[in-house]
């Protein structure tokens, strides 16, 4: 059982890249779902309401 350090490092790097890719893909799906909840116009209206209260 001769396992070289380079092989272990390569496996760890591949797992790290897969993890980052998976997290990025999941983050985009969550962001797309959240972006549909509220439009920029409602944010502007909320800000205007806030300013009018002062």
Protein backbone atom coordinates (compact mmCIF):
# COMPACT_ATOMS: atom_id res chain seq x y z
CA UNK A 1 0.00 0.00 0.00
CA UNK A 2 2.15 2.75 -1.30
CA UNK A 3 0.07 5.93 -1.38
CA UNK A 4 1.90 9.03 -2.48
CA UNK A 5 1.33 12.41 -0.92
CA UNK A 6 0.59 13.91 -4.33
CA UNK A 7 -2.32 11.51 -4.80
CA UNK A 8 -3.84 12.50 -1.48
CA UNK A 9 -3.42 16.19 -2.27
CA UNK A 10 -5.06 15.77 -5.68
CA UNK A 11 -8.06 13.98 -4.13
CA UNK A 12 -8.45 16.71 -1.52
CA UNK A 13 -8.25 19.43 -4.17
CA UNK A 14 -10.91 17.69 -6.26
CA UNK A 15 -13.22 17.40 -3.23
CA UNK A 16 -12.67 21.08 -2.45
CA UNK A 17 -13.51 22.14 -6.02
CA UNK A 18 -16.63 19.95 -6.00
CA UNK A 19 -17.72 21.44 -2.67
CA UNK A 20 -17.28 25.02 -3.90
CA UNK A 21 -19.12 24.23 -7.15
CA UNK A 22 -22.02 22.66 -5.24
CA UNK A 23 -22.29 25.60 -2.84
CA UNK A 24 -22.23 28.08 -5.72
CA UNK A 25 -24.96 26.21 -7.57
CA UNK A 26 -27.15 26.08 -4.46
CA UNK A 27 -26.54 29.76 -3.70
CA UNK A 28 -27.71 30.80 -7.18
CA UNK A 29 -30.96 28.86 -6.76
CA UNK A 30 -31.65 30.47 -3.38
CA UNK A 31 -30.86 33.94 -4.72
CA UNK A 32 -33.20 33.48 -7.69
CA UNK A 33 -36.04 32.44 -5.38
CA UNK A 34 -35.48 35.42 -3.10
CA UNK A 35 -35.23 37.92 -5.95
CA UNK A 36 -38.79 37.12 -7.04
CA UNK A 37 -40.24 37.99 -3.63
CA UNK A 38 -39.82 41.73 -3.93
CA UNK A 39 -39.36 44.11 -6.81
CA UNK A 40 -37.05 47.16 -6.74
CA UNK A 41 -40.07 49.44 -7.02
CA UNK A 42 -41.45 48.23 -3.68
CA UNK A 43 -38.08 48.86 -2.07
CA UNK A 44 -38.10 52.41 -3.44
CA UNK A 45 -41.64 52.90 -2.14
CA UNK A 46 -40.65 51.64 1.32
CA UNK A 47 -37.75 54.08 1.36
CA UNK A 48 -40.01 56.95 0.36
CA UNK A 49 -42.48 55.98 3.10
CA UNK A 50 -39.63 55.95 5.58
CA UNK A 51 -38.50 59.43 4.52
CA UNK A 52 -42.04 60.78 4.71
CA UNK A 53 -42.40 59.63 8.33
CA UNK A 54 -39.60 61.95 9.47
